[in-house]
Structures are given as C-alpha cells and as structure tokens.
Amino acid sequence: MNMDGFPNCLRVFVEKEHWTFAKTMLEWPHEYLVRHRVDEALFEATVAHIRAHGYQGYFYRRPMTYFDDGDWVYWTMGAPIAETTIINRCRKEDSYEARRMAGTLPT
C-alpha cells in the first residue's frame, strides 16, 4: 500500500476536478470522474497510478485494486487503461473494508 498518496500533479488533478455523486447507488456513497469530461492524459496517469501503487482488496467477493490518498479511497473497475472510462472514490469510512469491519454493510 502506498502510504504517501498521489504525487502532487495527480493530487492537484483529483482535487480540482468536479466529481459526480453516484446517486444510483445510495447504499454505497461514492463519487466518480468520467474520462471524456476531464484531461485524458491526467485521467490515464491517475488510473495507472492507482493500479501500480494500489493494494488488493475486495468488494464482497470481487477482487479490486484500491488506492488511498488522504481521506479518500480510489478505484476503477479493472478494464484495460485504454478502455477505462470511470475513476471512483469514496470516503475511507464508506469503503467496503471499513463497513465490513464496522458491521455496517448494506443488506
């Protein structure tokens, strides 16, 4: 797990972009960025960084690569970088692992 978070150029990117709240998954509060709405090179660099420096976890039984930066957990859905269209993030307390440990998974 990378304890340092994103390098400055990527941190500026994720902090300045307008993230969209995922209103279709209210039981899993999170936000997302869409590739075609942001700088594509920075989007791809962020996806590559998440995958290269992230850690393996799960969402229920599905393996996922997560990356922590500050109070946020970032992930993608695992498609090849060229095909990835979404970067997701949630507050650490809303992550699958935190909710599993707290016994607050949706039923």
PDB file of N, CA and C in Angstrom:
ATOM      1  N   MET A   1       0.850  -1.176   0.000  1.00  0.00           N
ATOM      2  CA  MET A   1       0.000   0.000   0.000  1.00  0.00           C
ATOM      3  C   MET A   1       0.893   1.235   0.000  1.00  0.00           C
ATOM      4  N   ASN A   2       0.563   2.213  -0.830  1.00  0.00           N
ATOM      5  CA  ASN A   2       1.323   3.457  -0.881  1.00  0.00           C
ATOM      6  C   ASN A   2       0.846   4.366   0.245  1.00  0.00           C
ATOM      7  N   MET A   3       1.733   4.666   1.173  1.00  0.00           N
ATOM      8  CA  MET A   3       1.358   5.495   2.318  1.00  0.00           C
ATOM      9  C   MET A   3       1.454   6.986   1.994  1.00  0.00           C
ATOM     10  N   ASP A   4       2.044   7.321   0.856  1.00  0.00           N
ATOM     11  CA  ASP A   4       2.268   8.722   0.517  1.00  0.00           C
ATOM     12  C   ASP A   4       1.145   9.334  -0.301  1.00  0.00           C
ATOM     13  N   GLY A   5       0.241   8.548  -0.815  1.00  0.00           N
ATOM     14  CA  GLY A   5      -0.821   9.088  -1.655  1.00  0.00           C
ATOM     15  C   GLY A   5      -0.323   9.422  -3.045  1.00  0.00           C
ATOM     16  N   PHE A   6      -1.103  10.243  -3.741  1.00  0.00           N
ATOM     17  CA  PHE A   6      -0.772  10.621  -5.111  1.00  0.00           C
ATOM     18  C   PHE A   6       0.421  11.575  -5.150  1.00  0.00           C
ATOM     19  N   PRO A   7       1.204  11.527  -6.241  1.00  0.00           N
ATOM     20  CA  PRO A   7       2.193  12.587  -6.444  1.00  0.00           C
ATOM     21  C   PRO A   7       1.446  13.910  -6.652  1.00  0.00           C
ATOM     22  N   ASN A   8       2.127  15.019  -6.450  1.00  0.00           N
ATOM     23  CA  ASN A   8       1.469  16.332  -6.473  1.00  0.00           C
ATOM     24  C   ASN A   8       0.651  16.595  -7.727  1.00  0.00           C
ATOM     25  N   CYS A   9       1.178  16.254  -8.910  1.00  0.00           N
ATOM     26  CA  CYS A   9       0.438  16.563 -10.145  1.00  0.00           C
ATOM     27  C   CYS A   9      -0.901  15.836 -10.194  1.00  0.00           C
ATOM     28  N   LEU A  10      -0.936  14.598  -9.711  1.00  0.00           N
ATOM     29  CA  LEU A  10      -2.196  13.849  -9.710  1.00  0.00           C
ATOM     30  C   LEU A  10      -3.103  14.289  -8.566  1.00  0.00           C
ATOM     31  N   ARG A  11      -2.516  14.667  -7.441  1.00  0.00           N
ATOM     32  CA  ARG A  11      -3.334  15.163  -6.330  1.00  0.00           C
ATOM     33  C   ARG A  11      -4.049  16.452  -6.751  1.00  0.00           C
ATOM     34  N   VAL A  12      -3.345  17.340  -7.429  1.00  0.00           N
ATOM     35  CA  VAL A  12      -3.978  18.572  -7.923  1.00  0.00           C
ATOM     36  C   VAL A  12      -5.119  18.213  -8.864  1.00  0.00           C
ATOM     37  N   PHE A  13      -4.891  17.260  -9.751  1.00  0.00           N
ATOM     38  CA  PHE A  13      -5.925  16.828 -10.697  1.00  0.00           C
ATOM     39  C   PHE A  13      -7.171  16.328  -9.959  1.00  0.00           C
ATOM     40  N   VAL A  14      -7.018  15.396  -9.027  1.00  0.00           N
ATOM     41  CA  VAL A  14      -8.203  14.833  -8.358  1.00  0.00           C
ATOM     42  C   VAL A  14      -8.874  15.842  -7.437  1.00  0.00           C
ATOM     43  N   GLU A  15      -8.099  16.788  -6.913  1.00  0.00           N
ATOM     44  CA  GLU A  15      -8.701  17.795  -6.031  1.00  0.00           C
ATOM     45  C   GLU A  15      -9.425  18.895  -6.799  1.00  0.00           C
ATOM     46  N   LYS A  16      -8.985  19.211  -8.016  1.00  0.00           N
ATOM     47  CA  LYS A  16      -9.605  20.328  -8.746  1.00  0.00           C
ATOM     48  C   LYS A  16     -10.813  19.893  -9.574  1.00  0.00           C
ATOM     49  N   GLU A  17     -10.887  18.632  -9.931  1.00  0.00           N
ATOM     50  CA  GLU A  17     -11.985  18.174 -10.792  1.00  0.00           C
ATOM     51  C   GLU A  17     -13.314  18.148 -10.042  1.00  0.00           C
ATOM     52  N   HIS A  18     -14.376  18.287 -10.806  1.00  0.00           N
ATOM     53  CA  HIS A  18     -15.729  18.179 -10.244  1.00  0.00           C
ATOM     54  C   HIS A  18     -16.151  16.715 -10.295  1.00  0.00           C
ATOM     55  N   TRP A  19     -16.261  16.103  -9.133  1.00  0.00           N
ATOM     56  CA  TRP A  19     -16.670  14.708  -9.027  1.00  0.00           C
ATOM     57  C   TRP A  19     -18.194  14.644  -8.986  1.00  0.00           C
ATOM     58  N   THR A  20     -18.764  13.617  -9.609  1.00  0.00           N
ATOM     59  CA  THR A  20     -20.212  13.426  -9.651  1.00  0.00           C
ATOM     60  C   THR A  20     -20.609  12.408  -8.590  1.00  0.00           C
ATOM     61  N   PHE A  21     -21.591  12.768  -7.761  1.00  0.00           N
ATOM     62  CA  PHE A  21     -22.091  11.835  -6.750  1.00  0.00           C
ATOM     63  C   PHE A  21     -22.893  10.737  -7.450  1.00  0.00           C
ATOM     64  N   ALA A  22     -22.628   9.488  -7.083  1.00  0.00           N
ATOM     65  CA  ALA A  22     -23.302   8.339  -7.702  1.00  0.00           C
ATOM     66  C   ALA A  22     -24.673   8.143  -7.060  1.00  0.00           C
ATOM     67  N   LYS A  23     -25.650   8.863  -7.561  1.00  0.00           N
ATOM     68  CA  LYS A  23     -26.984   8.845  -6.944  1.00  0.00           C
ATOM     69  C   LYS A  23     -27.755   7.549  -7.185  1.00  0.00           C
ATOM     70  N   THR A  24     -27.265   6.692  -8.070  1.00  0.00           N
ATOM     71  CA  THR A  24     -27.954   5.424  -8.313  1.00  0.00           C
ATOM     72  C   THR A  24     -27.521   4.339  -7.321  1.00  0.00           C
ATOM     73  N   MET A  25     -26.524   4.635  -6.488  1.00  0.00           N
ATOM     74  CA  MET A  25     -26.043   3.644  -5.514  1.00  0.00           C
ATOM     75  C   MET A  25     -25.988   4.281  -4.131  1.00  0.00           C
ATOM     76  N   LEU A  26     -27.115   4.715  -3.644  1.00  0.00           N
ATOM     77  CA  LEU A  26     -27.162   5.432  -2.371  1.00  0.00           C
ATOM     78  C   LEU A  26     -26.668   4.591  -1.194  1.00  0.00           C
ATOM     79  N   GLU A  27     -26.791   3.262  -1.310  1.00  0.00           N
ATOM     80  CA  GLU A  27     -26.312   2.401  -0.220  1.00  0.00           C
ATOM     81  C   GLU A  27     -24.788   2.344  -0.171  1.00  0.00           C
ATOM     82  N   TRP A  28     -24.141   2.797  -1.239  1.00  0.00           N
ATOM     83  CA  TRP A  28     -22.674   2.863  -1.321  1.00  0.00           C
ATOM     84  C   TRP A  28     -22.271   4.276  -1.744  1.00  0.00           C
ATOM     85  N   PRO A  29     -22.266   5.231  -0.824  1.00  0.00           N
ATOM     86  CA  PRO A  29     -21.935   6.608  -1.202  1.00  0.00           C
ATOM     87  C   PRO A  29     -20.538   6.709  -1.817  1.00  0.00           C
ATOM     88  N   HIS A  30     -20.491   7.220  -3.023  1.00  0.00           N
ATOM     89  CA  HIS A  30     -19.213   7.445  -3.692  1.00  0.00           C
ATOM     90  C   HIS A  30     -19.406   8.445  -4.822  1.00  0.00           C
ATOM     91  N   GLU A  31     -18.274   8.882  -5.372  1.00  0.00           N
ATOM     92  CA  GLU A  31     -18.243   9.841  -6.462  1.00  0.00           C
ATOM     93  C   GLU A  31     -17.437   9.250  -7.604  1.00  0.00           C
ATOM     94  N   TYR A  32     -17.582   9.849  -8.785  1.00  0.00           N
ATOM     95  CA  TYR A  32     -16.814   9.358  -9.930  1.00  0.00           C
ATOM     96  C   TYR A  32     -16.448  10.497 -10.872  1.00  0.00           C
ATOM     97  N   LEU A  33     -15.376  10.243 -11.633  1.00  0.00           N
ATOM     98  CA  LEU A  33     -14.946  11.103 -12.733  1.00  0.00           C
ATOM     99  C   LEU A  33     -15.140  10.338 -14.027  1.00  0.00           C
ATOM    100  N   VAL A  34     -15.535  11.026 -15.077  1.00  0.00           N
ATOM    101  CA  VAL A  34     -15.718  10.419 -16.389  1.00  0.00           C
ATOM    102  C   VAL A  34     -14.591  10.898 -17.307  1.00  0.00           C
ATOM    103  N   ARG A  35     -13.931   9.967 -17.956  1.00  0.00           N
ATOM    104  CA  ARG A  35     -12.776  10.250 -18.811  1.00  0.00           C
ATOM    105  C   ARG A  35     -13.023  11.413 -19.779  1.00  0.00           C
ATOM    106  N   HIS A  36     -14.125  11.386 -20.518  1.00  0.00           N
ATOM    107  CA  HIS A  36     -14.332  12.383 -21.570  1.00  0.00           C
ATOM    108  C   HIS A  36     -14.649  13.783 -21.035  1.00  0.00           C
ATOM    109  N   ARG A  37     -14.794  13.935 -19.725  1.00  0.00           N
ATOM    110  CA  ARG A  37     -15.071  15.251 -19.134  1.00  0.00           C
ATOM    111  C   ARG A  37     -13.836  15.909 -18.517  1.00  0.00           C
ATOM    112  N   VAL A  38     -12.716  15.199 -18.535  1.00  0.00           N
ATOM    113  CA  VAL A  38     -11.507  15.706 -17.874  1.00  0.00           C
ATOM    114  C   VAL A  38     -10.306  15.571 -18.811  1.00  0.00           C
ATOM    115  N   ASP A  39      -9.164  16.049 -18.370  1.00  0.00           N
ATOM    116  CA  ASP A  39      -7.925  15.913 -19.142  1.00  0.00           C
ATOM    117  C   ASP A  39      -7.594  14.425 -19.275  1.00  0.00           C
ATOM    118  N   GLU A  40      -7.568  13.923 -20.507  1.00  0.00           N
ATOM    119  CA  GLU A  40      -7.394  12.489 -20.732  1.00  0.00           C
ATOM    120  C   GLU A  40      -6.037  11.979 -20.269  1.00  0.00           C
ATOM    121  N   ALA A  41      -4.983  12.736 -20.483  1.00  0.00           N
ATOM    122  CA  ALA A  41      -3.648  12.292 -20.067  1.00  0.00           C
ATOM    123  C   ALA A  41      -3.574  12.173 -18.544  1.00  0.00           C
ATOM    124  N   LEU A  42      -4.145  13.135 -17.834  1.00  0.00           N
ATOM    125  CA  LEU A  42      -4.146  13.062 -16.367  1.00  0.00           C
ATOM    126  C   LEU A  42      -5.063  11.947 -15.865  1.00  0.00           C
ATOM    127  N   PHE A  43      -6.171  11.737 -16.568  1.00  0.00           N
ATOM    128  CA  PHE A  43      -7.068  10.635 -16.214  1.00  0.00           C
ATOM    129  C   PHE A  43      -6.306   9.313 -16.321  1.00  0.00           C
ATOM    130  N   GLU A  44      -5.653   9.081 -17.455  1.00  0.00           N
ATOM    131  CA  GLU A  44      -4.915   7.825 -17.653  1.00  0.00           C
ATOM    132  C   GLU A  44      -3.773   7.684 -16.664  1.00  0.00           C
ATOM    133  N   ALA A  45      -3.082   8.778 -16.363  1.00  0.00           N
ATOM    134  CA  ALA A  45      -1.984   8.721 -15.392  1.00  0.00           C
ATOM    135  C   ALA A  45      -2.513   8.366 -14.007  1.00  0.00           C
ATOM    136  N   THR A  46      -3.693   8.863 -13.665  1.00  0.00           N
ATOM    137  CA  THR A  46      -4.295   8.549 -12.366  1.00  0.00           C
ATOM    138  C   THR A  46      -4.685   7.078 -12.308  1.00  0.00           C
ATOM    139  N   VAL A  47      -5.306   6.570 -13.354  1.00  0.00           N
ATOM    140  CA  VAL A  47      -5.664   5.145 -13.404  1.00  0.00           C
ATOM    141  C   VAL A  47      -4.408   4.285 -13.282  1.00  0.00           C
ATOM    142  N   ALA A  48      -3.386   4.623 -14.036  1.00  0.00           N
ATOM    143  CA  ALA A  48      -2.134   3.855 -13.992  1.00  0.00           C
ATOM    144  C   ALA A  48      -1.524   3.899 -12.596  1.00  0.00           C
ATOM    145  N   HIS A  49      -1.580   5.049 -11.941  1.00  0.00           N
ATOM    146  CA  HIS A  49      -1.016   5.170 -10.592  1.00  0.00           C
ATOM    147  C   HIS A  49      -1.803   4.324  -9.587  1.00  0.00           C
ATOM    148  N   ILE A  50      -3.112   4.372  -9.673  1.00  0.00           N
ATOM    149  CA  ILE A  50      -3.955   3.560  -8.779  1.00  0.00           C
ATOM    150  C   ILE A  50      -3.576   2.089  -8.915  1.00  0.00           C
ATOM    151  N   ARG A  51      -3.425   1.641 -10.142  1.00  0.00           N
ATOM    152  CA  ARG A  51      -3.136   0.224 -10.384  1.00  0.00           C
ATOM    153  C   ARG A  51      -1.711  -0.161 -10.007  1.00  0.00           C
ATOM    154  N   ALA A  52      -0.751   0.721 -10.249  1.00  0.00           N
ATOM    155  CA  ALA A  52       0.650   0.402  -9.961  1.00  0.00           C
ATOM    156  C   ALA A  52       0.979   0.507  -8.478  1.00  0.00           C
ATOM    157  N   HIS A  53       0.311   1.406  -7.762  1.00  0.00           N
ATOM    158  CA  HIS A  53       0.675   1.675  -6.373  1.00  0.00           C
ATOM    159  C   HIS A  53      -0.428   1.326  -5.387  1.00  0.00           C
ATOM    160  N   GLY A  54      -1.516   0.783  -5.889  1.00  0.00           N
ATOM    161  CA  GLY A  54      -2.634   0.422  -5.019  1.00  0.00           C
ATOM    162  C   GLY A  54      -2.414  -0.912  -4.334  1.00  0.00           C
ATOM    163  N   TYR A  55      -3.434  -1.374  -3.676  1.00  0.00           N
ATOM    164  CA  TYR A  55      -3.395  -2.640  -2.937  1.00  0.00           C
ATOM    165  C   TYR A  55      -4.624  -3.462  -3.289  1.00  0.00           C
ATOM    166  N   GLN A  56      -4.469  -4.760  -3.159  1.00  0.00           N
ATOM    167  CA  GLN A  56      -5.564  -5.663  -3.487  1.00  0.00           C
ATOM    168  C   GLN A  56      -6.541  -5.753  -2.321  1.00  0.00           C
ATOM    169  N   GLY A  57      -7.801  -5.584  -2.652  1.00  0.00           N
ATOM    170  CA  GLY A  57      -8.873  -5.714  -1.683  1.00  0.00           C
ATOM    171  C   GLY A  57     -10.053  -6.369  -2.366  1.00  0.00           C
ATOM    172  N   TYR A  58     -11.202  -6.269  -1.736  1.00  0.00           N
ATOM    173  CA  TYR A  58     -12.411  -6.875  -2.286  1.00  0.00           C
ATOM    174  C   TYR A  58     -13.585  -5.928  -2.154  1.00  0.00           C
ATOM    175  N   PHE A  59     -14.553  -6.146  -3.024  1.00  0.00           N
ATOM    176  CA  PHE A  59     -15.889  -5.600  -2.862  1.00  0.00           C
ATOM    177  C   PHE A  59     -16.783  -6.824  -2.856  1.00  0.00           C
ATOM    178  N   TYR A  60     -17.186  -7.230  -1.670  1.00  0.00           N
ATOM    179  CA  TYR A  60     -17.790  -8.530  -1.449  1.00  0.00           C
ATOM    180  C   TYR A  60     -16.803  -9.583  -1.950  1.00  0.00           C
ATOM    181  N   ARG A  61     -17.132 -10.358  -2.956  1.00  0.00           N
ATOM    182  CA  ARG A  61     -16.196 -11.390  -3.437  1.00  0.00           C
ATOM    183  C   ARG A  61     -15.392 -10.959  -4.651  1.00  0.00           C
ATOM    184  N   ARG A  62     -15.642  -9.767  -5.133  1.00  0.00           N
ATOM    185  CA  ARG A  62     -14.936  -9.289  -6.329  1.00  0.00           C
ATOM    186  C   ARG A  62     -13.597  -8.649  -5.943  1.00  0.00           C
ATOM    187  N   PRO A  63     -12.484  -9.175  -6.482  1.00  0.00           N
ATOM    188  CA  PRO A  63     -11.190  -8.537  -6.194  1.00  0.00           C
ATOM    189  C   PRO A  63     -11.106  -7.174  -6.864  1.00  0.00           C
ATOM    190  N   MET A  64     -10.524  -6.220  -6.149  1.00  0.00           N
ATOM    191  CA  MET A  64     -10.399  -4.849  -6.635  1.00  0.00           C
ATOM    192  C   MET A  64      -9.024  -4.317  -6.252  1.00  0.00           C
ATOM    193  N   THR A  65      -8.515  -3.376  -7.026  1.00  0.00           N
ATOM    194  CA  THR A  65      -7.310  -2.651  -6.658  1.00  0.00           C
ATOM    195  C   THR A  65      -7.742  -1.283  -6.152  1.00  0.00           C
ATOM    196  N   TYR A  66      -7.384  -0.992  -4.907  1.00  0.00           N
ATOM    197  CA  TYR A  66      -7.724   0.275  -4.264  1.00  0.00           C
ATOM    198  C   TYR A  66      -6.461   1.093  -4.038  1.00  0.00           C
ATOM    199  N   PHE A  67      -6.649   2.400  -3.927  1.00  0.00           N
ATOM    200  CA  PHE A  67      -5.538   3.302  -3.643  1.00  0.00           C
ATOM    201  C   PHE A  67      -6.032   4.369  -2.674  1.00  0.00           C
ATOM    202  N   ASP A  68      -5.316   4.553  -1.576  1.00  0.00           N
ATOM    203  CA  ASP A  68      -5.700   5.539  -0.565  1.00  0.00           C
ATOM    204  C   ASP A  68      -4.918   6.832  -0.742  1.00  0.00           C
ATOM    205  N   ASP A  69      -5.616   7.945  -0.611  1.00  0.00           N
ATOM    206  CA  ASP A  69      -4.975   9.258  -0.608  1.00  0.00           C
ATOM    207  C   ASP A  69      -5.776  10.139   0.353  1.00  0.00           C
ATOM    208  N   GLY A  70      -5.158  10.527   1.448  1.00  0.00           N
ATOM    209  CA  GLY A  70      -5.865  11.334   2.440  1.00  0.00           C
ATOM    210  C   GLY A  70      -7.058  10.578   2.986  1.00  0.00           C
ATOM    211  N   ASP A  71      -8.214  11.222   2.975  1.00  0.00           N
ATOM    212  CA  ASP A  71      -9.446  10.620   3.488  1.00  0.00           C
ATOM    213  C   ASP A  71     -10.205   9.810   2.452  1.00  0.00           C
ATOM    214  N   TRP A  72      -9.606   9.635   1.264  1.00  0.00           N
ATOM    215  CA  TRP A  72     -10.307   9.014   0.148  1.00  0.00           C
ATOM    216  C   TRP A  72      -9.701   7.675  -0.243  1.00  0.00           C
ATOM    217  N   VAL A  73     -10.563   6.798  -0.758  1.00  0.00           N
ATOM    218  CA  VAL A  73     -10.160   5.529  -1.372  1.00  0.00           C
ATOM    219  C   VAL A  73     -10.597   5.609  -2.838  1.00  0.00           C
ATOM    220  N   TYR A  74      -9.669   5.326  -3.747  1.00  0.00           N
ATOM    221  CA  TYR A  74      -9.901   5.401  -5.193  1.00  0.00           C
ATOM    222  C   TYR A  74      -9.849   4.008  -5.796  1.00  0.00           C
ATOM    223  N   TRP A  75     -10.611   3.795  -6.875  1.00  0.00           N
ATOM    224  CA  TRP A  75     -10.563   2.528  -7.608  1.00  0.00           C
ATOM    225  C   TRP A  75     -11.186   2.694  -8.988  1.00  0.00           C
ATOM    226  N   THR A  76     -10.889   1.735  -9.844  1.00  0.00           N
ATOM    227  CA  THR A  76     -11.546   1.626 -11.147  1.00  0.00           C
ATOM    228  C   THR A  76     -12.134   0.221 -11.206  1.00  0.00           C
ATOM    229  N   MET A  77     -12.789  -0.096 -12.300  1.00  0.00           N
ATOM    230  CA  MET A  77     -13.452  -1.391 -12.385  1.00  0.00           C
ATOM    231  C   MET A  77     -12.592  -2.470 -13.045  1.00  0.00           C
ATOM    232  N   GLY A  78     -11.354  -2.148 -13.403  1.00  0.00           N
ATOM    233  CA  GLY A  78     -10.421  -3.165 -13.848  1.00  0.00           C
ATOM    234  C   GLY A  78     -10.254  -3.358 -15.339  1.00  0.00           C
ATOM    235  N   ALA A  79     -10.995  -2.621 -16.155  1.00  0.00           N
ATOM    236  CA  ALA A  79     -10.808  -2.723 -17.607  1.00  0.00           C
ATOM    237  C   ALA A  79      -9.405  -2.226 -17.961  1.00  0.00           C
ATOM    238  N   PRO A  80      -8.873  -2.618 -19.118  1.00  0.00           N
ATOM    239  CA  PRO A  80      -7.585  -2.058 -19.541  1.00  0.00           C
ATOM    240  C   PRO A  80      -7.642  -0.525 -19.499  1.00  0.00           C
ATOM    241  N   ILE A  81      -6.504   0.098 -19.255  1.00  0.00           N
ATOM    242  CA  ILE A  81      -6.470   1.556 -19.091  1.00  0.00           C
ATOM    243  C   ILE A  81      -7.118   2.268 -20.279  1.00  0.00           C
ATOM    244  N   ALA A  82      -6.828   1.830 -21.485  1.00  0.00           N
ATOM    245  CA  ALA A  82      -7.383   2.482 -22.681  1.00  0.00           C
ATOM    246  C   ALA A  82      -8.911   2.392 -22.732  1.00  0.00           C
ATOM    247  N   GLU A  83      -9.491   1.407 -22.053  1.00  0.00           N
ATOM    248  CA  GLU A  83     -10.940   1.213 -22.056  1.00  0.00           C
ATOM    249  C   GLU A  83     -11.613   1.721 -20.785  1.00  0.00           C
ATOM    250  N   THR A  84     -10.827   2.143 -19.803  1.00  0.00           N
ATOM    251  CA  THR A  84     -11.384   2.622 -18.536  1.00  0.00           C
ATOM    252  C   THR A  84     -12.012   3.992 -18.747  1.00  0.00           C
ATOM    253  N   THR A  85     -13.261   4.135 -18.334  1.00  0.00           N
ATOM    254  CA  THR A  85     -13.967   5.398 -18.527  1.00  0.00           C
ATOM    255  C   THR A  85     -14.313   6.101 -17.215  1.00  0.00           C
ATOM    256  N   ILE A  86     -14.154   5.400 -16.087  1.00  0.00           N
ATOM    257  CA  ILE A  86     -14.575   5.943 -14.792  1.00  0.00           C
ATOM    258  C   ILE A  86     -13.479   5.724 -13.748  1.00  0.00           C
ATOM    259  N   ILE A  87     -13.238   6.736 -12.926  1.00  0.00           N
ATOM    260  CA  ILE A  87     -12.472   6.598 -11.687  1.00  0.00           C
ATOM    261  C   ILE A  87     -13.465   6.866 -10.564  1.00  0.00           C
ATOM    262  N   ASN A  88     -13.509   5.972  -9.594  1.00  0.00           N
ATOM    263  CA  ASN A  88     -14.392   6.109  -8.440  1.00  0.00           C
ATOM    264  C   ASN A  88     -13.601   6.521  -7.214  1.00  0.00           C
ATOM    265  N   ARG A  89     -14.295   7.155  -6.258  1.00  0.00           N
ATOM    266  CA  ARG A  89     -13.695   7.395  -4.951  1.00  0.00           C
ATOM    267  C   ARG A  89     -14.803   7.460  -3.910  1.00  0.00           C
ATOM    268  N   CYS A  90     -14.422   7.106  -2.687  1.00  0.00           N
ATOM    269  CA  CYS A  90     -15.325   7.249  -1.551  1.00  0.00           C
ATOM    270  C   CYS A  90     -14.506   7.648  -0.332  1.00  0.00           C
ATOM    271  N   ARG A  91     -15.175   8.159   0.664  1.00  0.00           N
ATOM    272  CA  ARG A  91     -14.516   8.435   1.933  1.00  0.00           C
ATOM    273  C   ARG A  91     -14.092   7.099   2.539  1.00  0.00           C
ATOM    274  N   LYS A  92     -12.964   7.079   3.238  1.00  0.00           N
ATOM    275  CA  LYS A  92     -12.469   5.828   3.817  1.00  0.00           C
ATOM    276  C   LYS A  92     -13.528   5.147   4.670  1.00  0.00           C
ATOM    277  N   GLU A  93     -14.296   5.912   5.428  1.00  0.00           N
ATOM    278  CA  GLU A  93     -15.305   5.308   6.300  1.00  0.00           C
ATOM    279  C   GLU A  93     -16.451   4.673   5.521  1.00  0.00           C
ATOM    280  N   ASP A  94     -16.588   5.010   4.230  1.00  0.00           N
ATOM    281  CA  ASP A  94     -17.642   4.423   3.389  1.00  0.00           C
ATOM    282  C   ASP A  94     -17.138   3.265   2.532  1.00  0.00           C
ATOM    283  N   SER A  95     -15.856   2.908   2.671  1.00  0.00           N
ATOM    284  CA  SER A  95     -15.295   1.823   1.861  1.00  0.00           C
ATOM    285  C   SER A  95     -15.847   0.472   2.310  1.00  0.00           C
ATOM    286  N   TYR A  96     -15.781  -0.482   1.409  1.00  0.00           N
ATOM    287  CA  TYR A  96     -16.248  -1.827   1.732  1.00  0.00           C
ATOM    288  C   TYR A  96     -15.541  -2.359   2.970  1.00  0.00           C
ATOM    289  N   GLU A  97     -14.214  -2.250   3.015  1.00  0.00           N
ATOM    290  CA  GLU A  97     -13.459  -2.812   4.138  1.00  0.00           C
ATOM    291  C   GLU A  97     -13.833  -2.144   5.461  1.00  0.00           C
ATOM    292  N   ALA A  98     -13.951  -0.827   5.485  1.00  0.00           N
ATOM    293  CA  ALA A  98     -14.325  -0.123   6.720  1.00  0.00           C
ATOM    294  C   ALA A  98     -15.723  -0.525   7.163  1.00  0.00           C
ATOM    295  N   ARG A  99     -16.647  -0.638   6.223  1.00  0.00           N
ATOM    296  CA  ARG A  99     -18.012  -1.010   6.580  1.00  0.00           C
ATOM    297  C   ARG A  99     -18.109  -2.481   6.981  1.00  0.00           C
ATOM    298  N   ARG A 100     -17.302  -3.326   6.354  1.00  0.00           N
ATOM    299  CA  ARG A 100     -17.270  -4.743   6.756  1.00  0.00           C
ATOM    300  C   ARG A 100     -16.792  -4.867   8.193  1.00  0.00           C
ATOM    301  N   MET A 101     -15.694  -4.150   8.498  1.00  0.00           N
ATOM    302  CA  MET A 101     -15.129  -4.199   9.852  1.00  0.00           C
ATOM    303  C   MET A 101     -16.094  -3.625  10.890  1.00  0.00           C
ATOM    304  N   ALA A 102     -16.865  -2.617  10.500  1.00  0.00           N
ATOM    305  CA  ALA A 102     -17.812  -1.969  11.430  1.00  0.00           C
ATOM    306  C   ALA A 102     -19.151  -2.706  11.487  1.00  0.00           C
ATOM    307  N   GLY A 103     -19.349  -3.702  10.619  1.00  0.00           N
ATOM    308  CA  GLY A 103     -20.619  -4.419  10.584  1.00  0.00           C
ATOM    309  C   GLY A 103     -21.759  -3.601  10.016  1.00  0.00           C
ATOM    310  N   THR A 104     -21.438  -2.684   9.089  1.00  0.00           N
ATOM    311  CA  THR A 104     -22.468  -1.800   8.536  1.00  0.00           C
ATOM    312  C   THR A 104     -22.674  -1.995   7.036  1.00  0.00           C
ATOM    313  N   LEU A 105     -22.390  -3.209   6.522  1.00  0.00           N
ATOM    314  CA  LEU A 105     -22.643  -3.471   5.097  1.00  0.00           C
ATOM    315  C   LEU A 105     -24.129  -3.436   4.823  1.00  0.00           C
ATOM    316  N   PRO A 106     -24.530  -2.904   3.667  1.00  0.00           N
ATOM    317  CA  PRO A 106     -25.950  -2.925   3.302  1.00  0.00           C
ATOM    318  C   PRO A 106     -26.469  -4.355   3.211  1.00  0.00           C
ATOM    319  N   THR A 107     -27.718  -4.523   3.543  1.00  0.00           N
ATOM    320  CA  THR A 107     -28.317  -5.878   3.466  1.00  0.00           C
ATOM    321  C   THR A 107     -29.063  -6.068   2.183  1.00  0.00           C
TER     322      THR A 107
END
